[in-house]
């Protein structure tokens, strides 16, 4: 939202000060916006990275649970061993 400042009367020193103030205000606003967009981009990148990493980890765990569940009725000991080995490997990576 831009606020328009009315220029002062035609006295030269006042007009010059008003112009300098307006220019500096625009520069400052541009700097603040640039920093804000940089922070927003970095936060978005971090959030996306965390989301992708967690999603991939959960998908891997779901596949592991599915495989262990399929082994349970026939080979219980093997399923438990498989599950514990993989769980430990994944927990070390995270």
PDB file of N, CA and C in Angstrom:
ATOM      1  N   UNK A   1       0.845  -1.161   0.000  1.00  0.00           N
ATOM      2  CA  UNK A   1       0.000   0.000   0.000  1.00  0.00           C
ATOM      3  C   UNK A   1       0.892   1.226   0.000  1.00  0.00           C
ATOM      4  N   UNK A   2       0.827   2.000  -1.049  1.00  0.00           N
ATOM      5  CA  UNK A   2       1.652   3.187  -1.160  1.00  0.00           C
ATOM      6  C   UNK A   2       0.928   4.388  -0.591  1.00  0.00           C
ATOM      7  N   UNK A   3       1.693   5.151   0.144  1.00  0.00           N
ATOM      8  CA  UNK A   3       1.154   6.383   0.694  1.00  0.00           C
ATOM      9  C   UNK A   3       1.795   7.524  -0.066  1.00  0.00           C
ATOM     10  N   UNK A   4       0.987   8.338  -0.637  1.00  0.00           N
ATOM     11  CA  UNK A   4       1.526   9.466  -1.394  1.00  0.00           C
ATOM     12  C   UNK A   4       1.706  10.642  -0.456  1.00  0.00           C
ATOM     13  N   UNK A   5       2.913  11.166  -0.499  1.00  0.00           N
ATOM     14  CA  UNK A   5       3.205  12.351   0.300  1.00  0.00           C
ATOM     15  C   UNK A   5       3.046  13.576  -0.588  1.00  0.00           C
ATOM     16  N   UNK A   6       2.386  14.535  -0.082  1.00  0.00           N
ATOM     17  CA  UNK A   6       2.209  15.772  -0.848  1.00  0.00           C
ATOM     18  C   UNK A   6       3.488  16.585  -0.752  1.00  0.00           C
ATOM     19  N   UNK A   7       3.988  17.070  -1.862  1.00  0.00           N
ATOM     20  CA  UNK A   7       5.215  17.873  -1.805  1.00  0.00           C
ATOM     21  C   UNK A   7       4.950  19.188  -1.073  1.00  0.00           C
ATOM     22  N   UNK A   8       5.958  19.675  -0.396  1.00  0.00           N
ATOM     23  CA  UNK A   8       5.785  20.965   0.278  1.00  0.00           C
ATOM     24  C   UNK A   8       5.665  22.087  -0.736  1.00  0.00           C
ATOM     25  N   UNK A   9       5.493  23.231  -0.228  1.00  0.00           N
ATOM     26  CA  UNK A   9       5.378  24.375  -1.134  1.00  0.00           C
ATOM     27  C   UNK A   9       6.662  24.526  -1.944  1.00  0.00           C
ATOM     28  N   UNK A  10       6.724  25.459  -2.778  1.00  0.00           N
ATOM     29  CA  UNK A  10       7.818  25.567  -3.736  1.00  0.00           C
ATOM     30  C   UNK A  10       9.094  26.164  -3.157  1.00  0.00           C
ATOM     31  N   UNK A  11       9.244  26.198  -1.861  1.00  0.00           N
ATOM     32  CA  UNK A  11      10.508  26.656  -1.273  1.00  0.00           C
ATOM     33  C   UNK A  11      11.560  25.612  -1.587  1.00  0.00           C
ATOM     34  N   UNK A  12      12.640  26.012  -2.158  1.00  0.00           N
ATOM     35  CA  UNK A  12      13.656  25.072  -2.640  1.00  0.00           C
ATOM     36  C   UNK A  12      14.236  24.170  -1.550  1.00  0.00           C
ATOM     37  N   UNK A  13      14.646  24.647  -0.396  1.00  0.00           N
ATOM     38  CA  UNK A  13      15.207  23.731   0.602  1.00  0.00           C
ATOM     39  C   UNK A  13      14.181  22.687   1.060  1.00  0.00           C
ATOM     40  N   UNK A  14      12.957  23.094   1.255  1.00  0.00           N
ATOM     41  CA  UNK A  14      11.929  22.148   1.690  1.00  0.00           C
ATOM     42  C   UNK A  14      11.646  21.109   0.612  1.00  0.00           C
ATOM     43  N   UNK A  15      11.598  21.548  -0.617  1.00  0.00           N
ATOM     44  CA  UNK A  15      11.342  20.629  -1.736  1.00  0.00           C
ATOM     45  C   UNK A  15      12.474  19.622  -1.868  1.00  0.00           C
ATOM     46  N   UNK A  16      13.701  20.083  -1.736  1.00  0.00           N
ATOM     47  CA  UNK A  16      14.852  19.201  -1.837  1.00  0.00           C
ATOM     48  C   UNK A  16      14.834  18.166  -0.709  1.00  0.00           C
ATOM     49  N   UNK A  17      14.559  18.611   0.508  1.00  0.00           N
ATOM     50  CA  UNK A  17      14.475  17.681   1.636  1.00  0.00           C
ATOM     51  C   UNK A  17      13.359  16.662   1.427  1.00  0.00           C
ATOM     52  N   UNK A  18      12.247  17.106   0.934  1.00  0.00           N
ATOM     53  CA  UNK A  18      11.131  16.194   0.678  1.00  0.00           C
ATOM     54  C   UNK A  18      11.515  15.153  -0.368  1.00  0.00           C
ATOM     55  N   UNK A  19      12.187  15.589  -1.452  1.00  0.00           N
ATOM     56  CA  UNK A  19      12.612  14.655  -2.494  1.00  0.00           C
ATOM     57  C   UNK A  19      13.618  13.630  -1.941  1.00  0.00           C
ATOM     58  N   UNK A  20      14.578  14.104  -1.163  1.00  0.00           N
ATOM     59  CA  UNK A  20      15.562  13.195  -0.575  1.00  0.00           C
ATOM     60  C   UNK A  20      14.894  12.187   0.365  1.00  0.00           C
ATOM     61  N   UNK A  21      13.967  12.666   1.156  1.00  0.00           N
ATOM     62  CA  UNK A  21      13.243  11.787   2.072  1.00  0.00           C
ATOM     63  C   UNK A  21      12.459  10.727   1.300  1.00  0.00           C
ATOM     64  N   UNK A  22      11.790  11.130   0.254  1.00  0.00           N
ATOM     65  CA  UNK A  22      10.991  10.202  -0.556  1.00  0.00           C
ATOM     66  C   UNK A  22      11.885   9.147  -1.211  1.00  0.00           C
ATOM     67  N   UNK A  23      13.012   9.582  -1.737  1.00  0.00           N
ATOM     68  CA  UNK A  23      13.939   8.636  -2.376  1.00  0.00           C
ATOM     69  C   UNK A  23      14.469   7.643  -1.346  1.00  0.00           C
ATOM     70  N   UNK A  24      14.883   8.146  -0.188  1.00  0.00           N
ATOM     71  CA  UNK A  24      15.416   7.263   0.853  1.00  0.00           C
ATOM     72  C   UNK A  24      14.352   6.292   1.359  1.00  0.00           C
ATOM     73  N   UNK A  25      13.136   6.755   1.482  1.00  0.00           N
ATOM     74  CA  UNK A  25      12.042   5.894   1.930  1.00  0.00           C
ATOM     75  C   UNK A  25      11.798   4.766   0.933  1.00  0.00           C
ATOM     76  N   UNK A  26      11.853   5.072  -0.328  1.00  0.00           N
ATOM     77  CA  UNK A  26      11.675   4.029  -1.359  1.00  0.00           C
ATOM     78  C   UNK A  26      12.821   3.033  -1.346  1.00  0.00           C
ATOM     79  N   UNK A  27      14.049   3.526  -1.154  1.00  0.00           N
ATOM     80  CA  UNK A  27      15.201   2.626  -1.071  1.00  0.00           C
ATOM     81  C   UNK A  27      15.070   1.690   0.126  1.00  0.00           C
ATOM     82  N   UNK A  28      14.718   2.251   1.245  1.00  0.00           N
ATOM     83  CA  UNK A  28      14.569   1.455   2.461  1.00  0.00           C
ATOM     84  C   UNK A  28      13.470   0.405   2.295  1.00  0.00           C
ATOM     85  N   UNK A  29      12.366   0.798   1.715  1.00  0.00           N
ATOM     86  CA  UNK A  29      11.258  -0.137   1.484  1.00  0.00           C
ATOM     87  C   UNK A  29      11.697  -1.272   0.566  1.00  0.00           C
ATOM     88  N   UNK A  30      12.450  -0.956  -0.466  1.00  0.00           N
ATOM     89  CA  UNK A  30      12.943  -1.985  -1.385  1.00  0.00           C
ATOM     90  C   UNK A  30      13.893  -2.944  -0.670  1.00  0.00           C
ATOM     91  N   UNK A  31      14.750  -2.417   0.213  1.00  0.00           N
ATOM     92  CA  UNK A  31      15.669  -3.273   0.962  1.00  0.00           C
ATOM     93  C   UNK A  31      14.913  -4.211   1.899  1.00  0.00           C
ATOM     94  N   UNK A  32      13.923  -3.690   2.587  1.00  0.00           N
ATOM     95  CA  UNK A  32      13.134  -4.515   3.508  1.00  0.00           C
ATOM     96  C   UNK A  32      12.391  -5.604   2.740  1.00  0.00           C
ATOM     97  N   UNK A  33      11.810  -5.254   1.606  1.00  0.00           N
ATOM     98  CA  UNK A  33      11.102  -6.251   0.791  1.00  0.00           C
ATOM     99  C   UNK A  33      12.055  -7.335   0.300  1.00  0.00           C
ATOM    100  N   UNK A  34      13.259  -6.918  -0.122  1.00  0.00           N
ATOM    101  CA  UNK A  34      14.235  -7.894  -0.619  1.00  0.00           C
ATOM    102  C   UNK A  34      14.619  -8.876   0.480  1.00  0.00           C
ATOM    103  N   UNK A  35      14.865  -8.377   1.701  1.00  0.00           N
ATOM    104  CA  UNK A  35      15.199  -9.269   2.815  1.00  0.00           C
ATOM    105  C   UNK A  35      14.039 -10.190   3.158  1.00  0.00           C
ATOM    106  N   UNK A  36      12.843  -9.666   3.099  1.00  0.00           N
ATOM    107  CA  UNK A  36      11.661 -10.473   3.391  1.00  0.00           C
ATOM    108  C   UNK A  36      11.514 -11.607   2.383  1.00  0.00           C
ATOM    109  N   UNK A  37      11.698 -11.302   1.100  1.00  0.00           N
ATOM    110  CA  UNK A  37      11.575 -12.337   0.073  1.00  0.00           C
ATOM    111  C   UNK A  37      12.693 -13.379   0.197  1.00  0.00           C
ATOM    112  N   UNK A  38      13.907 -12.941   0.593  1.00  0.00           N
ATOM    113  CA  UNK A  38      15.000 -13.893   0.802  1.00  0.00           C
ATOM    114  C   UNK A  38      14.655 -14.855   1.935  1.00  0.00           C
ATOM    115  N   UNK A  39      14.154 -14.332   3.028  1.00  0.00           N
ATOM    116  CA  UNK A  39      13.781 -15.181   4.161  1.00  0.00           C
ATOM    117  C   UNK A  39      12.661 -16.134   3.788  1.00  0.00           C
ATOM    118  N   UNK A  40      11.689 -15.637   3.069  1.00  0.00           N
ATOM    119  CA  UNK A  40      10.571 -16.477   2.660  1.00  0.00           C
ATOM    120  C   UNK A  40      11.042 -17.612   1.750  1.00  0.00           C
ATOM    121  N   UNK A  41      11.937 -17.294   0.822  1.00  0.00           N
ATOM    122  CA  UNK A  41      12.465 -18.323  -0.084  1.00  0.00           C
ATOM    123  C   UNK A  41      13.249 -19.378   0.690  1.00  0.00           C
ATOM    124  N   UNK A  42      14.045 -18.951   1.661  1.00  0.00           N
ATOM    125  CA  UNK A  42      14.826 -19.899   2.454  1.00  0.00           C
ATOM    126  C   UNK A  42      13.920 -20.777   3.311  1.00  0.00           C
ATOM    127  N   UNK A  43      12.917 -20.194   3.915  1.00  0.00           N
ATOM    128  CA  UNK A  43      11.982 -20.977   4.728  1.00  0.00           C
ATOM    129  C   UNK A  43      11.218 -21.976   3.872  1.00  0.00           C
ATOM    130  N   UNK A  44      10.836 -21.563   2.684  1.00  0.00           N
ATOM    131  CA  UNK A  44      10.133 -22.465   1.775  1.00  0.00           C
ATOM    132  C   UNK A  44      11.030 -23.625   1.367  1.00  0.00           C
ATOM    133  N   UNK A  45      12.293 -23.329   1.082  1.00  0.00           N
ATOM    134  CA  UNK A  45      13.249 -24.372   0.700  1.00  0.00           C
ATOM    135  C   UNK A  45      13.427 -25.369   1.834  1.00  0.00           C
ATOM    136  N   UNK A  46      13.602 -24.877   3.052  1.00  0.00           N
ATOM    137  CA  UNK A  46      13.793 -25.762   4.205  1.00  0.00           C
ATOM    138  C   UNK A  46      12.554 -26.617   4.441  1.00  0.00           C
ATOM    139  N   UNK A  47      11.386 -26.004   4.361  1.00  0.00           N
ATOM    140  CA  UNK A  47      10.143 -26.748   4.563  1.00  0.00           C
ATOM    141  C   UNK A  47       9.978 -27.836   3.503  1.00  0.00           C
ATOM    142  N   UNK A  48      10.290 -27.508   2.273  1.00  0.00           N
ATOM    143  CA  UNK A  48      10.167 -28.495   1.193  1.00  0.00           C
ATOM    144  C   UNK A  48      11.148 -29.648   1.407  1.00  0.00           C
ATOM    145  N   UNK A  49      12.366 -29.309   1.806  1.00  0.00           N
ATOM    146  CA  UNK A  49      13.380 -30.334   2.047  1.00  0.00           C
ATOM    147  C   UNK A  49      12.971 -31.250   3.194  1.00  0.00           C
ATOM    148  N   UNK A  50      12.492 -30.680   4.282  1.00  0.00           N
ATOM    149  CA  UNK A  50      12.033 -31.485   5.418  1.00  0.00           C
ATOM    150  C   UNK A  50      10.857 -32.367   5.024  1.00  0.00           C
ATOM    151  N   UNK A  51       9.940 -31.796   4.284  1.00  0.00           N
ATOM    152  CA  UNK A  51       8.757 -32.554   3.859  1.00  0.00           C
ATOM    153  C   UNK A  51       9.169 -33.733   2.994  1.00  0.00           C
ATOM    154  N   UNK A  52      10.050 -33.499   2.027  1.00  0.00           N
ATOM    155  CA  UNK A  52      10.478 -34.571   1.134  1.00  0.00           C
ATOM    156  C   UNK A  52      11.220 -35.666   1.896  1.00  0.00           C
ATOM    157  N   UNK A  53      12.096 -35.265   2.814  1.00  0.00           N
ATOM    158  CA  UNK A  53      12.868 -36.237   3.578  1.00  0.00           C
ATOM    159  C   UNK A  53      11.961 -37.088   4.457  1.00  0.00           C
ATOM    160  N   UNK A  54      11.052 -36.442   5.163  1.00  0.00           N
ATOM    161  CA  UNK A  54      10.147 -37.185   6.031  1.00  0.00           C
ATOM    162  C   UNK A  54       9.220 -38.092   5.230  1.00  0.00           C
ATOM    163  N   UNK A  55       8.725 -37.587   4.118  1.00  0.00           N
ATOM    164  CA  UNK A  55       7.833 -38.390   3.291  1.00  0.00           C
ATOM    165  C   UNK A  55       8.548 -39.637   2.779  1.00  0.00           C
ATOM    166  N   UNK A  56       9.774 -39.465   2.343  1.00  0.00           N
ATOM    167  CA  UNK A  56      10.538 -40.607   1.847  1.00  0.00           C
ATOM    168  C   UNK A  56      10.789 -41.613   2.972  1.00  0.00           C
ATOM    169  N   UNK A  57      11.103 -41.129   4.155  1.00  0.00           N
ATOM    170  CA  UNK A  57      11.345 -42.030   5.287  1.00  0.00           C
ATOM    171  C   UNK A  57      10.087 -42.803   5.663  1.00  0.00           C
ATOM    172  N   UNK A  58       8.961 -42.114   5.691  1.00  0.00           N
ATOM    173  CA  UNK A  58       7.706 -42.796   6.029  1.00  0.00           C
ATOM    174  C   UNK A  58       7.321 -43.819   4.972  1.00  0.00           C
ATOM    175  N   UNK A  59       7.549 -43.493   3.711  1.00  0.00           N
ATOM    176  CA  UNK A  59       7.237 -44.459   2.651  1.00  0.00           C
ATOM    177  C   UNK A  59       8.095 -45.711   2.802  1.00  0.00           C
ATOM    178  N   UNK A  60       9.374 -45.517   3.119  1.00  0.00           N
ATOM    179  CA  UNK A  60      10.264 -46.655   3.326  1.00  0.00           C
ATOM    180  C   UNK A  60       9.816 -47.509   4.497  1.00  0.00           C
ATOM    181  N   UNK A  61       9.399 -46.860   5.571  1.00  0.00           N
ATOM    182  CA  UNK A  61       8.916 -47.609   6.735  1.00  0.00           C
ATOM    183  C   UNK A  61       7.634 -48.373   6.414  1.00  0.00           C
ATOM    184  N   UNK A  62       6.765 -47.766   5.636  1.00  0.00           N
ATOM    185  CA  UNK A  62       5.530 -48.460   5.261  1.00  0.00           C
ATOM    186  C   UNK A  62       5.827 -49.718   4.445  1.00  0.00           C
ATOM    187  N   UNK A  63       6.773 -49.601   3.524  1.00  0.00           N
ATOM    188  CA  UNK A  63       7.161 -50.793   2.746  1.00  0.00           C
ATOM    189  C   UNK A  63       7.770 -51.861   3.647  1.00  0.00           C
ATOM    190  N   UNK A  64       8.565 -51.430   4.608  1.00  0.00           N
ATOM    191  CA  UNK A  64       9.167 -52.371   5.544  1.00  0.00           C
ATOM    192  C   UNK A  64       8.096 -53.076   6.384  1.00  0.00           C
ATOM    193  N   UNK A  65       7.132 -52.312   6.872  1.00  0.00           N
ATOM    194  CA  UNK A  65       6.044 -52.908   7.643  1.00  0.00           C
ATOM    195  C   UNK A  65       5.237 -53.892   6.795  1.00  0.00           C
ATOM    196  N   UNK A  66       5.009 -53.544   5.551  1.00  0.00           N
ATOM    197  CA  UNK A  66       4.260 -54.427   4.652  1.00  0.00           C
ATOM    198  C   UNK A  66       5.004 -55.742   4.458  1.00  0.00           C
ATOM    199  N   UNK A  67       6.317 -55.640   4.235  1.00  0.00           N
ATOM    200  CA  UNK A  67       7.100 -56.852   4.023  1.00  0.00           C
ATOM    201  C   UNK A  67       7.120 -57.713   5.289  1.00  0.00           C
ATOM    202  N   UNK A  68       7.305 -57.067   6.436  1.00  0.00           N
ATOM    203  CA  UNK A  68       7.323 -57.818   7.704  1.00  0.00           C
ATOM    204  C   UNK A  68       5.964 -58.466   7.956  1.00  0.00           C
ATOM    205  N   UNK A  69       4.900 -57.742   7.653  1.00  0.00           N
ATOM    206  CA  UNK A  69       3.550 -58.291   7.856  1.00  0.00           C
ATOM    207  C   UNK A  69       3.323 -59.505   6.959  1.00  0.00           C
ATOM    208  N   UNK A  70       3.837 -59.435   5.745  1.00  0.00           N
ATOM    209  CA  UNK A  70       3.682 -60.564   4.830  1.00  0.00           C
ATOM    210  C   UNK A  70       4.466 -61.788   5.309  1.00  0.00           C
ATOM    211  N   UNK A  71       5.580 -61.566   6.010  1.00  0.00           N
ATOM    212  CA  UNK A  71       6.398 -62.674   6.498  1.00  0.00           C
ATOM    213  C   UNK A  71       5.888 -63.247   7.817  1.00  0.00           C
ATOM    214  N   UNK A  72       5.129 -62.477   8.566  1.00  0.00           N
ATOM    215  CA  UNK A  72       4.739 -62.882   9.926  1.00  0.00           C
ATOM    216  C   UNK A  72       4.084 -64.253  10.025  1.00  0.00           C
ATOM    217  N   UNK A  73       3.097 -64.572   9.244  1.00  0.00           N
ATOM    218  CA  UNK A  73       2.437 -65.864   9.455  1.00  0.00           C
ATOM    219  C   UNK A  73       3.365 -67.064   9.232  1.00  0.00           C
ATOM    220  N   UNK A  74       4.283 -66.965   8.293  1.00  0.00           N
ATOM    221  CA  UNK A  74       5.101 -68.120   7.936  1.00  0.00           C
ATOM    222  C   UNK A  74       6.457 -68.126   8.635  1.00  0.00           C
ATOM    223  N   UNK A  75       7.108 -66.953   8.677  1.00  0.00           N
ATOM    224  CA  UNK A  75       8.481 -66.907   9.218  1.00  0.00           C
ATOM    225  C   UNK A  75       8.591 -65.766  10.226  1.00  0.00           C
ATOM    226  N   UNK A  76       8.089 -65.964  11.396  1.00  0.00           N
ATOM    227  CA  UNK A  76       8.021 -64.941  12.419  1.00  0.00           C
ATOM    228  C   UNK A  76       9.402 -64.441  12.831  1.00  0.00           C
ATOM    229  N   UNK A  77      10.334 -65.328  13.065  1.00  0.00           N
ATOM    230  CA  UNK A  77      11.677 -64.928  13.514  1.00  0.00           C
ATOM    231  C   UNK A  77      12.373 -64.072  12.461  1.00  0.00           C
ATOM    232  N   UNK A  78      12.262 -64.482  11.205  1.00  0.00           N
ATOM    233  CA  UNK A  78      12.884 -63.719  10.119  1.00  0.00           C
ATOM    234  C   UNK A  78      12.256 -62.331   9.986  1.00  0.00           C
ATOM    235  N   UNK A  79      10.959 -62.251  10.147  1.00  0.00           N
ATOM    236  CA  UNK A  79      10.262 -60.962  10.051  1.00  0.00           C
ATOM    237  C   UNK A  79      10.716 -60.018  11.158  1.00  0.00           C
ATOM    238  N   UNK A  80      10.829 -60.533  12.366  1.00  0.00           N
ATOM    239  CA  UNK A  80      11.264 -59.695  13.493  1.00  0.00           C
ATOM    240  C   UNK A  80      12.696 -59.225  13.279  1.00  0.00           C
ATOM    241  N   UNK A  81      13.570 -60.117  12.823  1.00  0.00           N
ATOM    242  CA  UNK A  81      14.957 -59.751  12.580  1.00  0.00           C
ATOM    243  C   UNK A  81      15.053 -58.701  11.471  1.00  0.00           C
ATOM    244  N   UNK A  82      14.331 -58.910  10.388  1.00  0.00           N
ATOM    245  CA  UNK A  82      14.331 -57.955   9.286  1.00  0.00           C
ATOM    246  C   UNK A  82      13.856 -56.589   9.754  1.00  0.00           C
ATOM    247  N   UNK A  83      12.788 -56.593  10.481  1.00  0.00           N
ATOM    248  CA  UNK A  83      12.219 -55.331  10.949  1.00  0.00           C
ATOM    249  C   UNK A  83      13.183 -54.594  11.869  1.00  0.00           C
ATOM    250  N   UNK A  84      13.794 -55.299  12.823  1.00  0.00           N
ATOM    251  CA  UNK A  84      14.701 -54.631  13.765  1.00  0.00           C
ATOM    252  C   UNK A  84      15.957 -54.135  13.072  1.00  0.00           C
ATOM    253  N   UNK A  85      16.509 -54.891  12.128  1.00  0.00           N
ATOM    254  CA  UNK A  85      17.697 -54.444  11.394  1.00  0.00           C
ATOM    255  C   UNK A  85      17.410 -53.172  10.602  1.00  0.00           C
ATOM    256  N   UNK A  86      16.343 -53.191   9.862  1.00  0.00           N
ATOM    257  CA  UNK A  86      16.014 -52.026   9.036  1.00  0.00           C
ATOM    258  C   UNK A  86      15.666 -50.804   9.894  1.00  0.00           C
ATOM    259  N   UNK A  87      14.956 -51.044  10.968  1.00  0.00           N
ATOM    260  CA  UNK A  87      14.572 -49.937  11.861  1.00  0.00           C
ATOM    261  C   UNK A  87      15.824 -49.271  12.425  1.00  0.00           C
ATOM    262  N   UNK A  88      16.801 -50.060  12.818  1.00  0.00           N
ATOM    263  CA  UNK A  88      18.038 -49.503  13.365  1.00  0.00           C
ATOM    264  C   UNK A  88      18.808 -48.737  12.295  1.00  0.00           C
ATOM    265  N   UNK A  89      18.855 -49.277  11.080  1.00  0.00           N
ATOM    266  CA  UNK A  89      19.544 -48.584   9.991  1.00  0.00           C
ATOM    267  C   UNK A  89      18.900 -47.228   9.697  1.00  0.00           C
ATOM    268  N   UNK A  90      17.613 -47.212   9.633  1.00  0.00           N
ATOM    269  CA  UNK A  90      16.902 -45.956   9.339  1.00  0.00           C
ATOM    270  C   UNK A  90      17.028 -44.953  10.473  1.00  0.00           C
ATOM    271  N   UNK A  91      16.981 -45.419  11.675  1.00  0.00           N
ATOM    272  CA  UNK A  91      17.079 -44.483  12.806  1.00  0.00           C
ATOM    273  C   UNK A  91      18.465 -43.862  12.884  1.00  0.00           C
ATOM    274  N   UNK A  92      19.490 -44.597  12.468  1.00  0.00           N
ATOM    275  CA  UNK A  92      20.842 -44.017  12.442  1.00  0.00           C
ATOM    276  C   UNK A  92      20.960 -42.935  11.382  1.00  0.00           C
ATOM    277  N   UNK A  93      20.295 -43.113  10.254  1.00  0.00           N
ATOM    278  CA  UNK A  93      20.350 -42.118   9.172  1.00  0.00           C
ATOM    279  C   UNK A  93      19.659 -40.820   9.543  1.00  0.00           C
ATOM    280  N   UNK A  94      18.582 -40.925  10.300  1.00  0.00           N
ATOM    281  CA  UNK A  94      17.822 -39.729  10.678  1.00  0.00           C
ATOM    282  C   UNK A  94      18.533 -39.057  11.813  1.00  0.00           C
TER     283      UNK A  94
END
